[in-house]
C-alpha atoms as a PDB file:
ATOM      1  CA  MET A   1     -42.849  67.684  35.870  1.00  0.00           C
ATOM      2  CA  GLU A   2     -46.033  66.075  37.149  1.00  0.00           C
ATOM      3  CA  ARG A   3     -47.273  62.775  35.758  1.00  0.00           C
ATOM      4  CA  ASP A   4     -50.281  60.660  36.611  1.00  0.00           C
ATOM      5  CA  ILE A   5     -49.563  57.229  38.047  1.00  0.00           C
ATOM      6  CA  ARG A   6     -51.830  54.199  37.809  1.00  0.00           C
ATOM      7  CA  LEU A   7     -51.740  51.771  40.724  1.00  0.00           C
ATOM      8  CA  SER A   8     -52.864  48.160  40.364  1.00  0.00           C
ATOM      9  CA  CYS A   9     -52.669  45.287  42.830  1.00  0.00           C
ATOM     10  CA  THR A  10     -52.700  41.581  41.944  1.00  0.00           C
ATOM     11  CA  PRO A  11     -52.754  38.943  44.724  1.00  0.00           C
ATOM     12  CA  SER A  12     -50.879  35.679  44.246  1.00  0.00           C
ATOM     13  CA  ARG A  13     -54.056  33.791  45.223  1.00  0.00           C
ATOM     14  CA  GLU A  14     -57.682  34.834  44.841  1.00  0.00           C
ATOM     15  CA  ARG A  15     -58.842  32.857  47.878  1.00  0.00           C
ATOM     16  CA  LEU A  16     -57.306  31.636  51.104  1.00  0.00           C
ATOM     17  CA  PRO A  17     -58.619  28.519  52.840  1.00  0.00           C
ATOM     18  CA  VAL A  18     -59.528  28.667  56.515  1.00  0.00           C
ATOM     19  CA  LEU A  19     -56.580  27.026  58.290  1.00  0.00           C
ATOM     20  CA  GLN A  20     -55.140  27.041  61.773  1.00  0.00           C
ATOM     21  CA  GLU A  21     -51.542  27.719  60.686  1.00  0.00           C
ATOM     22  CA  GLN A  22     -50.078  30.858  59.159  1.00  0.00           C
ATOM     23  CA  GLN A  23     -50.387  31.416  55.425  1.00  0.00           C
ATOM     24  CA  VAL A  24     -48.428  33.587  52.993  1.00  0.00           C
ATOM     25  CA  LEU A  25     -50.112  35.846  50.449  1.00  0.00           C
ATOM     26  CA  TYR A  26     -48.024  37.852  47.973  1.00  0.00           C
ATOM     27  CA  LEU A  27     -49.238  41.034  46.366  1.00  0.00           C
ATOM     28  CA  LEU A  28     -47.960  42.356  43.037  1.00  0.00           C
ATOM     29  CA  ILE A  29     -48.121  46.161  43.181  1.00  0.00           C
ATOM     30  CA  GLU A  30     -47.615  47.855  39.829  1.00  0.00           C
ATOM     31  CA  LEU A  31     -46.963  51.574  39.435  1.00  0.00           C
ATOM     32  CA  LEU A  32     -47.343  52.601  35.803  1.00  0.00           C
ATOM     33  CA  PRO A  33     -47.376  56.035  34.114  1.00  0.00           C
ATOM     34  CA  THR A  34     -50.639  56.923  32.385  1.00  0.00           C
ATOM     35  CA  GLY A  35     -50.948  58.521  28.976  1.00  0.00           C
ATOM     36  CA  GLY A  36     -48.364  60.558  27.147  1.00  0.00           C
ATOM     37  CA  GLY A  37     -45.261  59.307  28.915  1.00  0.00           C
ATOM     38  CA  GLU A  38     -44.030  56.923  26.263  1.00  0.00           C
ATOM     39  CA  GLY A  39     -42.561  59.576  23.989  1.00  0.00           C
ATOM     40  CA  ARG A  40     -40.885  61.619  26.711  1.00  0.00           C
ATOM     41  CA  ALA A  41     -37.103  61.534  26.392  1.00  0.00           C
ATOM     42  CA  ARG A  42     -34.899  60.852  29.415  1.00  0.00           C
ATOM     43  CA  MET A  43     -31.846  62.904  30.287  1.00  0.00           C
ATOM     44  CA  PRO A  44     -28.627  61.904  28.502  1.00  0.00           C
ATOM     45  CA  LEU A  45     -26.161  59.767  30.456  1.00  0.00           C
ATOM     46  CA  ASP A  46     -22.403  60.063  30.856  1.00  0.00           C
ATOM     47  CA  ILE A  47     -21.258  56.669  32.179  1.00  0.00           C
ATOM     48  CA  CYS A  48     -17.749  55.574  33.052  1.00  0.00           C
ATOM     49  CA  LEU A  49     -17.602  51.859  33.757  1.00  0.00           C
ATOM     50  CA  VAL A  50     -14.679  50.722  35.933  1.00  0.00           C
ATOM     51  CA  LEU A  51     -14.344  46.938  35.795  1.00  0.00           C
ATOM     52  CA  ASP A  52     -12.222  44.883  38.200  1.00  0.00           C
ATOM     53  CA  CYS A  53     -10.232  42.263  36.250  1.00  0.00           C
ATOM     54  CA  SER A  54      -7.930  41.130  39.077  1.00  0.00           C
ATOM     55  CA  SER A  55      -7.330  37.473  39.926  1.00  0.00           C
ATOM     56  CA  SER A  56     -10.020  37.533  42.633  1.00  0.00           C
ATOM     57  CA  MET A  57     -12.586  38.106  39.855  1.00  0.00           C
ATOM     58  CA  ARG A  58     -11.529  35.008  37.873  1.00  0.00           C
ATOM     59  CA  GLY A  59     -14.293  32.615  36.768  1.00  0.00           C
ATOM     60  CA  ASP A  60     -17.983  33.260  37.379  1.00  0.00           C
ATOM     61  CA  ARG A  61     -17.395  36.653  38.987  1.00  0.00           C
ATOM     62  CA  LEU A  62     -15.752  38.144  35.918  1.00  0.00           C
ATOM     63  CA  HIS A  63     -18.241  36.410  33.622  1.00  0.00           C
ATOM     64  CA  GLN A  64     -21.179  37.948  35.478  1.00  0.00           C
ATOM     65  CA  ALA A  65     -19.468  41.346  35.683  1.00  0.00           C
ATOM     66  CA  LYS A  66     -18.964  41.313  31.918  1.00  0.00           C
ATOM     67  CA  GLU A  67     -22.598  40.314  31.412  1.00  0.00           C
ATOM     68  CA  ALA A  68     -23.648  43.278  33.561  1.00  0.00           C
ATOM     69  CA  ALA A  69     -21.340  45.579  31.581  1.00  0.00           C
ATOM     70  CA  ARG A  70     -22.772  44.413  28.263  1.00  0.00           C
ATOM     71  CA  TYR A  71     -26.288  44.945  29.615  1.00  0.00           C
ATOM     72  CA  ILE A  72     -25.445  48.520  30.658  1.00  0.00           C
ATOM     73  CA  VAL A  73     -24.093  49.288  27.181  1.00  0.00           C
ATOM     74  CA  GLY A  74     -27.265  47.845  25.649  1.00  0.00           C
ATOM     75  CA  GLN A  75     -29.392  50.375  27.538  1.00  0.00           C
ATOM     76  CA  LEU A  76     -27.501  53.402  26.195  1.00  0.00           C
ATOM     77  CA  THR A  77     -28.329  55.485  23.113  1.00  0.00           C
ATOM     78  CA  PRO A  78     -26.216  57.581  20.698  1.00  0.00           C
ATOM     79  CA  GLU A  79     -27.043  60.628  22.849  1.00  0.00           C
ATOM     80  CA  ASP A  80     -25.231  59.022  25.803  1.00  0.00           C
ATOM     81  CA  TYR A  81     -21.492  58.945  26.511  1.00  0.00           C
ATOM     82  CA  PHE A  82     -19.534  55.933  27.712  1.00  0.00           C
ATOM     83  CA  CYS A  83     -16.017  54.955  28.683  1.00  0.00           C
ATOM     84  CA  LEU A  84     -14.585  51.687  29.984  1.00  0.00           C
ATOM     85  CA  ILE A  85     -11.682  51.287  32.409  1.00  0.00           C
ATOM     86  CA  THR A  86     -10.263  47.973  33.613  1.00  0.00           C
ATOM     87  CA  PHE A  87      -7.965  47.545  36.576  1.00  0.00           C
ATOM     88  CA  ASN A  88      -5.981  44.965  38.520  1.00  0.00           C
ATOM     89  CA  ASP A  89      -2.656  46.229  39.917  1.00  0.00           C
ATOM     90  CA  ARG A  90      -2.615  48.511  36.854  1.00  0.00           C
ATOM     91  CA  ALA A  91      -5.343  50.385  35.008  1.00  0.00           C
ATOM     92  CA  ALA A  92      -6.138  50.534  31.290  1.00  0.00           C
ATOM     93  CA  VAL A  93      -8.483  52.696  29.225  1.00  0.00           C
ATOM     94  CA  VAL A  94     -10.229  50.060  27.103  1.00  0.00           C
ATOM     95  CA  VAL A  95     -12.817  52.432  25.594  1.00  0.00           C
ATOM     96  CA  PRO A  96     -12.071  56.192  25.810  1.00  0.00           C
ATOM     97  CA  ARG A  97     -14.999  58.491  26.614  1.00  0.00           C
ATOM     98  CA  GLN A  98     -17.144  58.774  23.473  1.00  0.00           C
ATOM     99  CA  PRO A  99     -20.770  58.862  22.258  1.00  0.00           C
ATOM    100  CA  VAL A 100     -22.325  55.404  22.112  1.00  0.00           C
ATOM    101  CA  GLN A 101     -22.347  55.121  18.309  1.00  0.00           C
ATOM    102  CA  THR A 102     -21.084  51.521  18.040  1.00  0.00           C
ATOM    103  CA  PRO A 103     -22.403  49.489  21.005  1.00  0.00           C
ATOM    104  CA  ALA A 104     -21.516  46.181  19.317  1.00  0.00           C
ATOM    105  CA  ALA A 105     -17.846  47.169  19.183  1.00  0.00           C
ATOM    106  CA  ILE A 106     -17.932  48.208  22.847  1.00  0.00           C
ATOM    107  CA  ARG A 107     -19.465  44.872  23.836  1.00  0.00           C
ATOM    108  CA  GLU A 108     -16.699  43.107  21.898  1.00  0.00           C
ATOM    109  CA  HIS A 109     -14.073  44.961  23.931  1.00  0.00           C
ATOM    110  CA  ILE A 110     -15.848  43.838  27.103  1.00  0.00           C
ATOM    111  CA  SER A 111     -15.809  40.215  25.960  1.00  0.00           C
ATOM    112  CA  GLU A 112     -12.020  40.292  25.533  1.00  0.00           C
ATOM    113  CA  ILE A 113     -11.299  41.236  29.173  1.00  0.00           C
ATOM    114  CA  GLN A 114      -9.327  38.607  31.118  1.00  0.00           C
ATOM    115  CA  ALA A 115      -8.611  38.296  34.852  1.00  0.00           C
ATOM    116  CA  SER A 116      -5.071  38.496  36.265  1.00  0.00           C
ATOM    117  CA  GLY A 117      -2.902  40.369  38.738  1.00  0.00           C
ATOM    118  CA  GLY A 118      -3.535  42.083  42.053  1.00  0.00           C
ATOM    119  CA  THR A 119      -6.217  44.592  43.057  1.00  0.00           C
ATOM    120  CA  GLU A 120      -5.617  48.329  43.321  1.00  0.00           C
ATOM    121  CA  MET A 121      -8.981  49.974  42.917  1.00  0.00           C
ATOM    122  CA  GLY A 122      -7.527  53.469  43.200  1.00  0.00           C
ATOM    123  CA  ARG A 123      -5.708  53.097  39.873  1.00  0.00           C
ATOM    124  CA  GLY A 124      -8.971  52.374  38.076  1.00  0.00           C
ATOM    125  CA  LEU A 125     -10.735  55.302  39.749  1.00  0.00           C
ATOM    126  CA  GLU A 126      -7.887  57.653  38.844  1.00  0.00           C
ATOM    127  CA  GLN A 127      -8.219  56.751  35.167  1.00  0.00           C
ATOM    128  CA  ALA A 128     -12.003  57.125  35.390  1.00  0.00           C
ATOM    129  CA  MET A 129     -11.692  60.608  36.886  1.00  0.00           C
ATOM    130  CA  GLU A 130      -9.233  61.611  34.171  1.00  0.00           C
ATOM    131  CA  GLN A 131     -11.669  60.526  31.462  1.00  0.00           C
ATOM    132  CA  MET A 132     -14.652  62.242  33.091  1.00  0.00           C
ATOM    133  CA  PHE A 133     -12.796  65.491  33.815  1.00  0.00           C
ATOM    134  CA  ARG A 134     -11.966  65.921  30.137  1.00  0.00           C
ATOM    135  CA  VAL A 135     -15.389  67.552  29.848  1.00  0.00           C
ATOM    136  CA  ALA A 136     -16.097  70.227  32.450  1.00  0.00           C
ATOM    137  CA  ALA A 137     -19.865  70.370  31.932  1.00  0.00           C
ATOM    138  CA  PHE A 138     -22.485  67.859  30.810  1.00  0.00           C
ATOM    139  CA  SER A 139     -26.216  68.529  30.571  1.00  0.00           C
ATOM    140  CA  GLY A 140     -27.291  65.154  31.915  1.00  0.00           C
ATOM    141  CA  VAL A 141     -26.542  62.526  34.537  1.00  0.00           C
ATOM    142  CA  ARG A 142     -22.899  61.619  35.189  1.00  0.00           C
ATOM    143  CA  ARG A 143     -21.973  58.389  36.967  1.00  0.00           C
ATOM    144  CA  ILE A 144     -18.894  56.279  37.605  1.00  0.00           C
ATOM    145  CA  ILE A 145     -19.988  52.633  37.969  1.00  0.00           C
ATOM    146  CA  LEU A 146     -17.538  50.306  39.687  1.00  0.00           C
ATOM    147  CA  LEU A 147     -17.987  46.582  38.996  1.00  0.00           C
ATOM    148  CA  THR A 148     -15.893  44.730  41.581  1.00  0.00           C
ATOM    149  CA  ASP A 149     -15.908  42.189  44.374  1.00  0.00           C
ATOM    150  CA  GLY A 150     -15.132  45.062  46.727  1.00  0.00           C
ATOM    151  CA  GLN A 151     -11.607  43.998  47.736  1.00  0.00           C
ATOM    152  CA  THR A 152      -8.713  46.418  47.293  1.00  0.00           C
ATOM    153  CA  TYR A 153      -5.286  46.296  48.907  1.00  0.00           C
ATOM    154  CA  GLY A 154      -3.129  49.162  50.138  1.00  0.00           C
ATOM    155  CA  ASP A 155      -4.978  52.096  48.553  1.00  0.00           C
ATOM    156  CA  GLU A 156      -8.160  52.375  50.607  1.00  0.00           C
ATOM    157  CA  GLN A 157      -7.484  55.991  51.623  1.00  0.00           C
ATOM    158  CA  ARG A 158      -6.790  56.961  48.017  1.00  0.00           C
ATOM    159  CA  CYS A 159     -10.148  55.498  47.004  1.00  0.00           C
ATOM    160  CA  VAL A 160     -11.908  57.589  49.672  1.00  0.00           C
ATOM    161  CA  GLU A 161     -10.141  60.739  48.469  1.00  0.00           C
ATOM    162  CA  LEU A 162     -11.137  60.081  44.866  1.00  0.00           C
ATOM    163  CA  ALA A 163     -14.750  59.453  45.884  1.00  0.00           C
ATOM    164  CA  HIS A 164     -14.831  62.846  47.650  1.00  0.00           C
ATOM    165  CA  LYS A 165     -13.304  64.504  44.590  1.00  0.00           C
ATOM    166  CA  ALA A 166     -15.958  62.979  42.337  1.00  0.00           C
ATOM    167  CA  GLN A 167     -18.716  64.066  44.701  1.00  0.00           C
ATOM    168  CA  GLU A 168     -17.440  67.644  44.718  1.00  0.00           C
ATOM    169  CA  ALA A 169     -17.564  67.603  40.901  1.00  0.00           C
ATOM    170  CA  GLY A 170     -21.172  66.410  40.905  1.00  0.00           C
ATOM    171  CA  MET A 171     -20.364  62.821  39.923  1.00  0.00           C
ATOM    172  CA  GLU A 172     -21.522  59.845  41.953  1.00  0.00           C
ATOM    173  CA  ILE A 173     -19.519  56.630  42.214  1.00  0.00           C
ATOM    174  CA  LYS A 174     -21.749  53.553  42.420  1.00  0.00           C
ATOM    175  CA  MET A 175     -20.204  50.206  43.328  1.00  0.00           C
ATOM    176  CA  LEU A 176     -22.012  47.132  42.013  1.00  0.00           C
ATOM    177  CA  ARG A 177     -21.313  43.478  42.764  1.00  0.00           C
ATOM    178  CA  PRO A 178     -23.075  41.682  39.881  1.00  0.00           C
ATOM    179  CA  PHE A 179     -22.415  38.137  41.049  1.00  0.00           C
ATOM    180  CA  GLY A 180     -23.738  35.618  43.513  1.00  0.00           C
ATOM    181  CA  HIS A 181     -27.321  34.503  44.067  1.00  0.00           C
ATOM    182  CA  PRO A 182     -29.618  37.402  43.011  1.00  0.00           C
ATOM    183  CA  ALA A 183     -31.771  37.373  46.148  1.00  0.00           C
ATOM    184  CA  GLN A 184     -28.802  37.051  48.496  1.00  0.00           C
ATOM    185  CA  THR A 185     -26.932  39.881  46.759  1.00  0.00           C
ATOM    186  CA  ILE A 186     -29.988  42.170  46.852  1.00  0.00           C
ATOM    187  CA  VAL A 187     -30.493  41.545  50.569  1.00  0.00           C
ATOM    188  CA  GLU A 188     -26.794  42.048  51.396  1.00  0.00           C
ATOM    189  CA  VAL A 189     -26.608  45.330  49.485  1.00  0.00           C
ATOM    190  CA  ALA A 190     -29.808  46.548  51.179  1.00  0.00           C
ATOM    191  CA  LYS A 191     -28.366  45.753  54.598  1.00  0.00           C
ATOM    192  CA  GLU A 192     -25.053  47.472  53.848  1.00  0.00           C
ATOM    193  CA  GLY A 193     -26.804  50.561  52.481  1.00  0.00           C
ATOM    194  CA  ASN A 194     -29.394  50.691  55.276  1.00  0.00           C
ATOM    195  CA  TYR A 195     -32.141  51.003  52.658  1.00  0.00           C
ATOM    196  CA  ASP A 196     -35.793  51.710  53.484  1.00  0.00           C
ATOM    197  CA  LEU A 197     -37.282  50.035  50.408  1.00  0.00           C
ATOM    198  CA  ILE A 198     -36.280  47.426  47.809  1.00  0.00           C
ATOM    199  CA  LEU A 199     -37.837  47.709  44.347  1.00  0.00           C
ATOM    200  CA  VAL A 200     -37.846  44.371  42.510  1.00  0.00           C
ATOM    201  CA  GLY A 201     -38.525  44.596  38.785  1.00  0.00           C
ATOM    202  CA  HIS A 202     -40.999  42.261  37.095  1.00  0.00           C
ATOM    203  CA  SER A 203     -42.171  42.039  33.493  1.00  0.00           C
ATOM    204  CA  GLY A 204     -45.315  39.891  33.525  1.00  0.00           C
ATOM    205  CA  VAL A 205     -47.874  37.915  35.497  1.00  0.00           C
ATOM    206  CA  SER A 206     -49.614  34.530  35.301  1.00  0.00           C
ATOM    207  CA  GLY A 207     -47.211  31.603  35.043  1.00  0.00           C
ATOM    208  CA  VAL A 208     -44.106  33.770  34.978  1.00  0.00           C
ATOM    209  CA  TRP A 209     -45.374  35.668  38.020  1.00  0.00           C
ATOM    210  CA  ALA A 210     -45.971  32.467  39.918  1.00  0.00           C
ATOM    211  CA  ALA A 211     -42.507  31.142  39.098  1.00  0.00           C
ATOM    212  CA  PHE A 212     -40.951  34.450  40.032  1.00  0.00           C
ATOM    213  CA  LEU A 213     -42.631  34.472  43.431  1.00  0.00           C
ATOM    214  CA  GLY A 214     -41.208  31.058  44.126  1.00  0.00           C
ATOM    215  CA  THR A 215     -37.611  32.216  43.577  1.00  0.00           C
ATOM    216  CA  THR A 216     -36.034  35.666  43.831  1.00  0.00           C
ATOM    217  CA  ALA A 217     -39.027  37.720  44.964  1.00  0.00           C
ATOM    218  CA  GLU A 218     -39.998  35.258  47.667  1.00  0.00           C
ATOM    219  CA  LYS A 219     -36.457  35.040  49.061  1.00  0.00           C
ATOM    220  CA  VAL A 220     -35.992  38.808  49.009  1.00  0.00           C
ATOM    221  CA  SER A 221     -39.319  39.411  50.741  1.00  0.00           C
ATOM    222  CA  ARG A 222     -38.503  36.849  53.437  1.00  0.00           C
ATOM    223  CA  HIS A 223     -34.991  38.038  54.236  1.00  0.00           C
ATOM    224  CA  ALA A 224     -34.957  41.741  53.342  1.00  0.00           C
ATOM    225  CA  PRO A 225     -34.240  44.186  56.181  1.00  0.00           C
ATOM    226  CA  CYS A 226     -36.834  46.615  54.812  1.00  0.00           C
ATOM    227  CA  SER A 227     -40.045  46.784  52.780  1.00  0.00           C
ATOM    228  CA  VAL A 228     -40.125  45.147  49.309  1.00  0.00           C
ATOM    229  CA  LEU A 229     -42.129  46.530  46.374  1.00  0.00           C
ATOM    230  CA  ILE A 230     -42.424  44.578  43.101  1.00  0.00           C
ATOM    231  CA  VAL A 231     -42.973  46.849  40.105  1.00  0.00           C
ATOM    232  CA  ARG A 232     -43.278  46.514  36.363  1.00  0.00           C
END
């Protein structure tokens, strides 16, 4: 489906003084759809969220993971499906796979999660696969999202096998680490994934744009291993 795209460029400074030393100029590049795109519905989502609640996630890590989980739920609609699995050295189905009819209740379940125990990521993935395989076909996008610090013990091979099984079934497993300094985390993930481009979201210009350039966007653009594009 073809759509027209409008491109606009906004420099961080309108003029540069003539100096002998190097200067930095940032450019906000915005890619926006033109006309008629607002009412177009997206494909329905089938999301299984697998959240690490082991002892290594205690404190800020679990807090930020739960914030990320609540944000994900807030982006879903009643046409989407969602399930929530937690794991440490055991796994639990906190929210069985269901349409997102009561997002407030789901967010309340997320808030009640506590950190304890060891880390066996394979147990959480097994429960996720069981929930997702209850429905053979789904006319939308299916994803298993793993929120973890990336440390598992003793079941690495099982995790690889489950990832292959999900891939064969047309489901992608995405691992997210929603903690740490935003710029540092973005750069680390880009390096690990050998990415060609980083897209940094932005919602406005003027004073907010200037403040943004001085923090996350500036740090990402300075340390990223690839090109950085800021979009709205």
